C-alpha atoms as a PDB file:
ATOM      1  CA  MET A   1     -25.355  -1.093  -1.098  1.00  0.00           C
ATOM      2  CA  THR A   2     -23.980   0.205   2.533  1.00  0.00           C
ATOM      3  CA  SER A   3     -25.416  -2.604   4.576  1.00  0.00           C
ATOM      4  CA  ASN A   4     -23.494  -5.283   1.928  1.00  0.00           C
ATOM      5  CA  ARG A   5     -20.296  -3.433   2.346  1.00  0.00           C
ATOM      6  CA  GLN A   6     -20.258  -3.195   6.463  1.00  0.00           C
ATOM      7  CA  ALA A   7     -21.449  -6.749   6.345  1.00  0.00           C
ATOM      8  CA  GLY A   8     -18.226  -7.304   4.479  1.00  0.00           C
ATOM      9  CA  ARG A   9     -15.850  -5.323   6.618  1.00  0.00           C
ATOM     10  CA  ASN A  10     -17.265  -6.853  10.184  1.00  0.00           C
ATOM     11  CA  GLY A  11     -17.957  -9.976   9.148  1.00  0.00           C
ATOM     12  CA  SER A  12     -16.728 -12.390   6.685  1.00  0.00           C
ATOM     13  CA  ARG A  13     -12.899 -12.124   5.372  1.00  0.00           C
ATOM     14  CA  VAL A  14     -13.320 -12.336   1.455  1.00  0.00           C
ATOM     15  CA  ALA A  15     -10.321 -11.852  -0.942  1.00  0.00           C
ATOM     16  CA  LEU A  16     -10.765 -11.284  -4.619  1.00  0.00           C
ATOM     17  CA  VAL A  17      -8.045 -12.241  -7.026  1.00  0.00           C
ATOM     18  CA  SER A  18      -8.089  -9.948 -10.143  1.00  0.00           C
ATOM     19  CA  LEU A  19      -7.004 -10.006 -13.684  1.00  0.00           C
ATOM     20  CA  GLY A  20      -3.600 -11.312 -14.860  1.00  0.00           C
ATOM     21  CA  SER A  21      -3.127 -15.002 -16.219  1.00  0.00           C
ATOM     22  CA  GLU A  22      -5.619 -17.868 -15.296  1.00  0.00           C
ATOM     23  CA  VAL A  23      -2.590 -20.033 -13.952  1.00  0.00           C
ATOM     24  CA  VAL A  24      -1.586 -16.792 -11.273  1.00  0.00           C
ATOM     25  CA  ARG A  25      -5.121 -16.296 -10.360  1.00  0.00           C
ATOM     26  CA  CYS A  26      -5.974 -20.154 -10.536  1.00  0.00           C
ATOM     27  CA  GLY A  27      -2.446 -20.383  -7.987  1.00  0.00           C
ATOM     28  CA  VAL A  28      -2.879 -17.562  -5.946  1.00  0.00           C
ATOM     29  CA  GLY A  29      -6.566 -18.287  -5.125  1.00  0.00           C
ATOM     30  CA  ALA A  30      -5.875 -21.779  -4.065  1.00  0.00           C
ATOM     31  CA  MET A  31      -2.994 -21.193  -1.934  1.00  0.00           C
ATOM     32  CA  LEU A  32      -4.769 -18.400  -0.136  1.00  0.00           C
ATOM     33  CA  ARG A  33      -7.906 -21.060   0.341  1.00  0.00           C
ATOM     34  CA  GLU A  34      -5.074 -23.345   2.199  1.00  0.00           C
ATOM     35  CA  LEU A  35      -4.191 -20.742   4.713  1.00  0.00           C
ATOM     36  CA  ASP A  36      -7.446 -20.414   6.479  1.00  0.00           C
ATOM     37  CA  MET A  37      -6.711 -16.779   7.022  1.00  0.00           C
ATOM     38  CA  LEU A  38     -10.105 -15.925   4.963  1.00  0.00           C
ATOM     39  CA  ASP A  39     -13.725 -16.871   5.072  1.00  0.00           C
ATOM     40  CA  ASP A  40     -13.868 -16.696   0.536  1.00  0.00           C
ATOM     41  CA  VAL A  41     -11.564 -16.112  -2.094  1.00  0.00           C
ATOM     42  CA  VAL A  42     -13.245 -15.214  -5.746  1.00  0.00           C
ATOM     43  CA  ALA A  43     -11.061 -14.997  -8.690  1.00  0.00           C
ATOM     44  CA  SER A  44     -11.634 -12.887 -11.371  1.00  0.00           C
ATOM     45  CA  GLY A  45     -10.266 -12.159 -14.503  1.00  0.00           C
ATOM     46  CA  SER A  46     -13.007  -9.429 -15.836  1.00  0.00           C
ATOM     47  CA  PHE A  47     -12.432  -5.605 -14.941  1.00  0.00           C
ATOM     48  CA  ASP A  48     -16.025  -5.061 -15.148  1.00  0.00           C
ATOM     49  CA  HIS A  49     -17.140  -8.527 -13.207  1.00  0.00           C
ATOM     50  CA  SER A  50     -13.940  -7.471 -10.257  1.00  0.00           C
ATOM     51  CA  MET A  51     -15.158  -3.612 -10.040  1.00  0.00           C
ATOM     52  CA  GLU A  52     -19.115  -5.362 -10.059  1.00  0.00           C
ATOM     53  CA  LEU A  53     -17.758  -7.264  -7.280  1.00  0.00           C
ATOM     54  CA  LEU A  54     -16.220  -4.145  -5.548  1.00  0.00           C
ATOM     55  CA  HIS A  55     -19.293  -2.343  -5.718  1.00  0.00           C
ATOM     56  CA  SER A  56     -21.431  -5.127  -3.877  1.00  0.00           C
ATOM     57  CA  GLY A  57     -18.938  -4.578  -1.089  1.00  0.00           C
ATOM     58  CA  ARG A  58     -18.021  -8.230  -0.500  1.00  0.00           C
ATOM     59  CA  PRO A  59     -14.355  -8.107  -0.810  1.00  0.00           C
ATOM     60  CA  THR A  60     -12.210  -6.673   2.267  1.00  0.00           C
ATOM     61  CA  LEU A  61      -8.818  -7.646   0.219  1.00  0.00           C
ATOM     62  CA  LEU A  62      -8.290  -7.219  -3.230  1.00  0.00           C
ATOM     63  CA  VAL A  63      -5.115  -9.443  -4.655  1.00  0.00           C
ATOM     64  CA  LEU A  64      -4.062  -7.090  -8.344  1.00  0.00           C
ATOM     65  CA  ASN A  65      -2.075  -8.978 -10.940  1.00  0.00           C
ATOM     66  CA  HIS A  66      -0.755  -5.836 -12.399  1.00  0.00           C
ATOM     67  CA  GLY A  67      -0.739  -7.544 -15.899  1.00  0.00           C
ATOM     68  CA  ASP A  68      -0.945  -6.149 -19.389  1.00  0.00           C
ATOM     69  CA  GLU A  69      -3.494  -3.655 -18.089  1.00  0.00           C
ATOM     70  CA  PRO A  70      -2.336  -0.730 -15.968  1.00  0.00           C
ATOM     71  CA  ARG A  71      -5.331   1.436 -16.248  1.00  0.00           C
ATOM     72  CA  GLN A  72      -7.439  -0.957 -15.199  1.00  0.00           C
ATOM     73  CA  ALA A  73      -5.456  -1.888 -12.197  1.00  0.00           C
ATOM     74  CA  GLU A  74      -5.393   1.644 -11.515  1.00  0.00           C
ATOM     75  CA  LYS A  75      -9.025   1.862 -10.947  1.00  0.00           C
ATOM     76  CA  LEU A  76      -9.691  -1.141 -10.097  1.00  0.00           C
ATOM     77  CA  ALA A  77      -7.336  -0.419  -6.903  1.00  0.00           C
ATOM     78  CA  SER A  78      -8.400   3.272  -6.520  1.00  0.00           C
ATOM     79  CA  THR A  79     -12.285   1.796  -6.196  1.00  0.00           C
ATOM     80  CA  ALA A  80     -11.526  -0.370  -3.624  1.00  0.00           C
ATOM     81  CA  VAL A  81      -9.149   2.010  -1.541  1.00  0.00           C
ATOM     82  CA  GLY A  82     -12.251   4.178  -1.885  1.00  0.00           C
ATOM     83  CA  PHE A  83     -14.475   1.350  -0.284  1.00  0.00           C
ATOM     84  CA  GLY A  84     -11.972   0.237   2.452  1.00  0.00           C
ATOM     85  CA  VAL A  85     -10.490  -2.549   0.870  1.00  0.00           C
ATOM     86  CA  ARG A  86      -7.006  -3.311   1.227  1.00  0.00           C
ATOM     87  CA  VAL A  87      -5.115  -3.753  -1.774  1.00  0.00           C
ATOM     88  CA  LEU A  88      -1.992  -6.354  -2.775  1.00  0.00           C
ATOM     89  CA  LEU A  89       0.047  -5.630  -5.915  1.00  0.00           C
ATOM     90  CA  MET A  90       1.753  -8.456  -7.431  1.00  0.00           C
ATOM     91  CA  LEU A  91       4.425  -7.833  -9.140  1.00  0.00           C
ATOM     92  CA  ARG A  92       6.260  -9.130 -11.826  1.00  0.00           C
ATOM     93  CA  ALA A  93       9.889  -8.297 -11.444  1.00  0.00           C
ATOM     94  CA  ALA A  94      11.482  -6.063  -8.850  1.00  0.00           C
ATOM     95  CA  THR A  95      13.114  -3.861 -11.223  1.00  0.00           C
ATOM     96  CA  ALA A  96      13.204  -0.147 -11.615  1.00  0.00           C
ATOM     97  CA  GLU A  97      10.900  -0.407 -14.691  1.00  0.00           C
ATOM     98  CA  ALA A  98       8.184  -2.723 -12.803  1.00  0.00           C
ATOM     99  CA  LEU A  99       7.698  -0.370 -10.139  1.00  0.00           C
ATOM    100  CA  ALA A 100       7.510   2.485 -12.428  1.00  0.00           C
ATOM    101  CA  GLN A 101       4.705   1.028 -14.276  1.00  0.00           C
ATOM    102  CA  VAL A 102       2.915   0.688 -10.825  1.00  0.00           C
ATOM    103  CA  ALA A 103       3.745   3.758  -9.429  1.00  0.00           C
ATOM    104  CA  SER A 104       0.000   5.313  -9.949  1.00  0.00           C
ATOM    105  CA  VAL A 105      -1.570   2.184  -8.650  1.00  0.00           C
ATOM    106  CA  PRO A 106      -2.291   2.666  -4.698  1.00  0.00           C
ATOM    107  CA  ALA A 107      -1.843  -0.304  -2.985  1.00  0.00           C
ATOM    108  CA  ASP A 108      -1.321  -1.157   0.671  1.00  0.00           C
ATOM    109  CA  GLY A 109       1.610  -4.070   0.388  1.00  0.00           C
ATOM    110  CA  TYR A 110       3.340  -5.899  -2.503  1.00  0.00           C
ATOM    111  CA  LEU A 111       4.044  -9.682  -3.785  1.00  0.00           C
ATOM    112  CA  LEU A 112       6.457 -10.654  -5.784  1.00  0.00           C
ATOM    113  CA  GLU A 113       5.067 -13.117  -8.634  1.00  0.00           C
ATOM    114  CA  PRO A 114       8.101 -15.458  -9.329  1.00  0.00           C
ATOM    115  CA  THR A 115       9.137 -15.684  -5.209  1.00  0.00           C
ATOM    116  CA  LEU A 116       5.483 -16.371  -4.462  1.00  0.00           C
ATOM    117  CA  THR A 117       4.921 -18.761  -1.578  1.00  0.00           C
ATOM    118  CA  ARG A 118       2.322 -20.156   0.953  1.00  0.00           C
ATOM    119  CA  GLU A 119       5.025 -18.428   3.366  1.00  0.00           C
ATOM    120  CA  ALA A 120       5.253 -15.179   1.467  1.00  0.00           C
ATOM    121  CA  LEU A 121       0.794 -14.961   1.524  1.00  0.00           C
ATOM    122  CA  VAL A 122       0.983 -15.475   5.168  1.00  0.00           C
ATOM    123  CA  ASN A 123       3.710 -12.891   6.131  1.00  0.00           C
ATOM    124  CA  ALA A 124       1.832 -10.567   3.500  1.00  0.00           C
ATOM    125  CA  LEU A 125      -1.571 -11.004   5.435  1.00  0.00           C
ATOM    126  CA  GLY A 126      -0.306 -10.971   8.999  1.00  0.00           C
ATOM    127  CA  ASP A 127       1.604  -7.300   8.103  1.00  0.00           C
ATOM    128  CA  LEU A 128      -1.461  -5.995   7.041  1.00  0.00           C
ATOM    129  CA  GLU A 129      -3.667  -7.362   9.778  1.00  0.00           C
ATOM    130  CA  SER A 130      -0.589  -5.895  12.108  1.00  0.00           C
ATOM    131  CA  GLY A 131      -1.206  -2.396   9.943  1.00  0.00           C
ATOM    132  CA  LEU A 132       2.052  -2.851   8.316  1.00  0.00           C
ATOM    133  CA  VAL A 133       3.233  -2.578   4.467  1.00  0.00           C
ATOM    134  CA  PRO A 134       4.455  -6.137   3.099  1.00  0.00           C
ATOM    135  CA  ILE A 135       7.390  -5.294   0.626  1.00  0.00           C
ATOM    136  CA  PRO A 136       9.267  -8.548  -0.798  1.00  0.00           C
ATOM    137  CA  HIS A 137      12.944  -8.224   0.332  1.00  0.00           C
ATOM    138  CA  PRO A 138      14.224  -7.425  -3.680  1.00  0.00           C
ATOM    139  CA  VAL A 139      11.131  -4.904  -4.112  1.00  0.00           C
ATOM    140  CA  ALA A 140      12.725  -2.911  -0.691  1.00  0.00           C
ATOM    141  CA  ARG A 141      16.201  -3.350  -1.830  1.00  0.00           C
ATOM    142  CA  ARG A 142      15.537  -1.660  -5.376  1.00  0.00           C
ATOM    143  CA  LEU A 143      13.332   0.841  -3.466  1.00  0.00           C
ATOM    144  CA  LEU A 144      15.963   1.683  -0.936  1.00  0.00           C
ATOM    145  CA  ALA A 145      18.641   1.809  -4.388  1.00  0.00           C
ATOM    146  CA  GLU A 146      16.154   4.143  -6.156  1.00  0.00           C
ATOM    147  CA  VAL A 147      16.098   6.452  -2.831  1.00  0.00           C
ATOM    148  CA  GLY A 148      20.433   6.656  -3.593  1.00  0.00           C
ATOM    149  CA  PRO A 149      22.321   7.646  -0.642  1.00  0.00           C
ATOM    150  CA  LEU A 150      20.819   7.236   3.270  1.00  0.00           C
ATOM    151  CA  GLU A 151      22.091  11.127   3.587  1.00  0.00           C
ATOM    152  CA  PRO A 152      19.286  13.574   3.155  1.00  0.00           C
ATOM    153  CA  ALA A 153      19.531  15.670  -0.294  1.00  0.00           C
ATOM    154  CA  GLU A 154      19.885  19.007   0.027  1.00  0.00           C
ATOM    155  CA  PRO A 155      15.936  20.260  -1.342  1.00  0.00           C
ATOM    156  CA  GLU A 156      15.639  22.559  -3.880  1.00  0.00           C
ATOM    157  CA  PRO A 157      13.838  25.921  -2.356  1.00  0.00           C
ATOM    158  CA  ALA A 158      12.176  27.549  -4.832  1.00  0.00           C
ATOM    159  CA  ALA A 159      10.395  23.828  -5.365  1.00  0.00           C
ATOM    160  CA  ALA A 160       9.692  22.503  -1.707  1.00  0.00           C
ATOM    161  CA  PRO A 161       6.798  24.318   0.558  1.00  0.00           C
ATOM    162  CA  PRO A 162       7.264  26.413   2.914  1.00  0.00           C
ATOM    163  CA  ALA A 163       8.099  25.161   7.130  1.00  0.00           C
ATOM    164  CA  ARG A 164       6.313  25.484   9.915  1.00  0.00           C
ATOM    165  CA  GLY A 165       8.898  25.674  12.262  1.00  0.00           C
ATOM    166  CA  ASP A 166      12.390  26.308  11.180  1.00  0.00           C
ATOM    167  CA  GLY A 167      12.561  27.541   7.944  1.00  0.00           C
ATOM    168  CA  GLU A 168      14.246  25.376   5.939  1.00  0.00           C
ATOM    169  CA  PRO A 169      12.326  24.502   3.103  1.00  0.00           C
ATOM    170  CA  ALA A 170      12.226  21.221   2.537  1.00  0.00           C
ATOM    171  CA  THR A 171      11.938  20.078   6.681  1.00  0.00           C
ATOM    172  CA  LEU A 172       8.547  18.067   7.325  1.00  0.00           C
ATOM    173  CA  THR A 173       6.498  19.596  10.267  1.00  0.00           C
ATOM    174  CA  ASP A 174       5.870  17.918  12.952  1.00  0.00           C
ATOM    175  CA  ARG A 175       2.138  17.114  11.934  1.00  0.00           C
ATOM    176  CA  GLU A 176       3.760  15.944   9.038  1.00  0.00           C
ATOM    177  CA  MET A 177       6.279  13.653  10.696  1.00  0.00           C
ATOM    178  CA  GLU A 178       3.292  11.948  12.603  1.00  0.00           C
ATOM    179  CA  ALA A 179       1.420  11.616   8.954  1.00  0.00           C
ATOM    180  CA  LEU A 180       4.905   9.926   8.013  1.00  0.00           C
ATOM    181  CA  ALA A 181       4.797   7.562  10.653  1.00  0.00           C
ATOM    182  CA  LEU A 182       1.236   6.528   9.855  1.00  0.00           C
ATOM    183  CA  MET A 183       2.461   6.329   6.301  1.00  0.00           C
ATOM    184  CA  VAL A 184       5.446   4.110   6.741  1.00  0.00           C
ATOM    185  CA  GLU A 185       2.726   1.962   8.935  1.00  0.00           C
ATOM    186  CA  GLY A 186       0.291   1.872   5.628  1.00  0.00           C
ATOM    187  CA  LEU A 187      -2.885   3.574   6.592  1.00  0.00           C
ATOM    188  CA  SER A 188      -4.748   5.490   4.056  1.00  0.00           C
ATOM    189  CA  ASN A 189      -5.708   9.015   3.719  1.00  0.00           C
ATOM    190  CA  LYS A 190      -8.956   8.387   6.090  1.00  0.00           C
ATOM    191  CA  GLN A 191      -7.414   6.106   8.557  1.00  0.00           C
ATOM    192  CA  ILE A 192      -4.542   8.985   8.975  1.00  0.00           C
ATOM    193  CA  ALA A 193      -6.964  11.735   9.319  1.00  0.00           C
ATOM    194  CA  ARG A 194      -8.510   9.261  12.156  1.00  0.00           C
ATOM    195  CA  ARG A 195      -5.413   8.880  14.021  1.00  0.00           C
ATOM    196  CA  LEU A 196      -4.497  12.516  13.835  1.00  0.00           C
ATOM    197  CA  GLY A 197      -7.952  14.123  14.557  1.00  0.00           C
ATOM    198  CA  ILE A 198      -8.373  16.308  11.221  1.00  0.00           C
ATOM    199  CA  SER A 199     -10.513  16.009   8.378  1.00  0.00           C
ATOM    200  CA  GLU A 200      -9.701  13.861   5.737  1.00  0.00           C
ATOM    201  CA  HIS A 201      -8.472  16.795   3.171  1.00  0.00           C
ATOM    202  CA  GLY A 202      -6.139  17.795   5.382  1.00  0.00           C
ATOM    203  CA  ALA A 203      -4.788  14.182   6.029  1.00  0.00           C
ATOM    204  CA  LYS A 204      -4.370  14.432   1.792  1.00  0.00           C
ATOM    205  CA  ARG A 205      -2.244  17.895   2.114  1.00  0.00           C
ATOM    206  CA  HIS A 206       0.030  16.468   4.427  1.00  0.00           C
ATOM    207  CA  VAL A 207       0.162  13.616   2.233  1.00  0.00           C
ATOM    208  CA  ALA A 208       1.028  15.561  -0.691  1.00  0.00           C
ATOM    209  CA  ASN A 209       3.518  17.683   1.140  1.00  0.00           C
ATOM    210  CA  ILE A 210       5.532  15.220   2.346  1.00  0.00           C
ATOM    211  CA  LEU A 211       5.516  13.636  -1.114  1.00  0.00           C
ATOM    212  CA  ALA A 212       7.017  16.998  -2.600  1.00  0.00           C
ATOM    213  CA  LYS A 213       9.171  17.516   0.182  1.00  0.00           C
ATOM    214  CA  LEU A 214      10.502  13.995  -0.340  1.00  0.00           C
ATOM    215  CA  ASN A 215      10.866  14.188  -4.139  1.00  0.00           C
ATOM    216  CA  CYS A 216       8.913  10.949  -4.182  1.00  0.00           C
ATOM    217  CA  SER A 217       6.209  10.205  -6.984  1.00  0.00           C
ATOM    218  CA  ASN A 218       4.408   7.735  -4.724  1.00  0.00           C
ATOM    219  CA  ARG A 219       3.768   6.518  -0.878  1.00  0.00           C
ATOM    220  CA  THR A 220       5.629   3.362  -0.913  1.00  0.00           C
ATOM    221  CA  LEU A 221       8.954   5.013  -2.247  1.00  0.00           C
ATOM    222  CA  ALA A 222       8.202   7.988   0.242  1.00  0.00           C
ATOM    223  CA  ALA A 223       8.159   5.176   3.198  1.00  0.00           C
ATOM    224  CA  ALA A 224      10.958   3.512   1.911  1.00  0.00           C
ATOM    225  CA  VAL A 225      12.970   6.909   1.653  1.00  0.00           C
ATOM    226  CA  ALA A 226      11.871   7.381   5.667  1.00  0.00           C
ATOM    227  CA  LEU A 227      12.850   4.184   6.815  1.00  0.00           C
ATOM    228  CA  SER A 228      16.305   4.604   4.858  1.00  0.00           C
ATOM    229  CA  ARG A 229      17.280   8.232   6.365  1.00  0.00           C
ATOM    230  CA  GLY A 230      16.101   7.192   9.889  1.00  0.00           C
ATOM    231  CA  LEU A 231      13.057   9.428   9.755  1.00  0.00           C
ATOM    232  CA  VAL A 232      10.873   7.026  11.330  1.00  0.00           C
ATOM    233  CA  ARG A 233      10.738   4.263  13.663  1.00  0.00           C
ATOM    234  CA  VAL A 234      10.813   0.640  11.791  1.00  0.00           C
ATOM    235  CA  PRO A 235       7.620  -0.421  12.081  1.00  0.00           C
ATOM    236  CA  GLY A 236       8.842  -4.373  12.279  1.00  0.00           C
ATOM    237  CA  THR A 237       9.534  -3.279  16.084  1.00  0.00           C
ATOM    238  CA  SER A 238       5.928  -2.314  17.425  1.00  0.00           C
ATOM    239  CA  ARG A 239       4.820  -5.463  15.393  1.00  0.00           C
ATOM    240  CA  ARG A 240       6.799  -7.819  17.247  1.00  0.00           C
ATOM    241  CA  ALA A 241       6.136  -5.826  20.581  1.00  0.00           C
ATOM    242  CA  ARG A 242       2.465  -5.996  20.233  1.00  0.00           C
ATOM    243  CA  ARG A 243       2.895  -9.809  19.697  1.00  0.00           C
ATOM    244  CA  ARG A 244       4.619 -10.687  23.027  1.00  0.00           C
END
């Protein structure tokens, strides 16, 4: 099983389009095949079949439609992340309700079903390849609206973890700032650990502290807060620099 997973990651690029309606699965699958950015595209409307494919090690990308099965979507996404498979989560709408429904689903980026085009898929796949977090503009605007004003809010001293340096309860440590920048780039806990030269457990602890100090329920919201407050540099700048 291990060798199959390694072959999938290091060899062919295979996308698994899972859950959602058959029309959406077939449409997204057809667009992905036409892009010529992947070696194969597999569509599955079955949770068990999708889980079997993930365990086989074939897919390198999971395009997941949240649909009407939030628990199944969360389980599939968590399994994919555990195998090092990137996850693109498709949203039905850029509303607070839609974002709240997927808050517990781990994802490396987002697609918006009503406005999904080939160009949007190209941009999303390109962002993933560059280590960025693909977020459609309407979704990004909604996230920024959810975090409120750009000025950092005064933290609750009793609820925030202690800071290492200047004594302000909700101040991010230097190490947490480094981890936050990597979170904004879309890196997983394992990748953050590798970049920072620490254990994966240590990376998880940094991420948990960041979410608590920024008062965010998930990594995507934390990334939106970090960008809106100017805590980290916009990743797109570095991507343009690399492409010159």
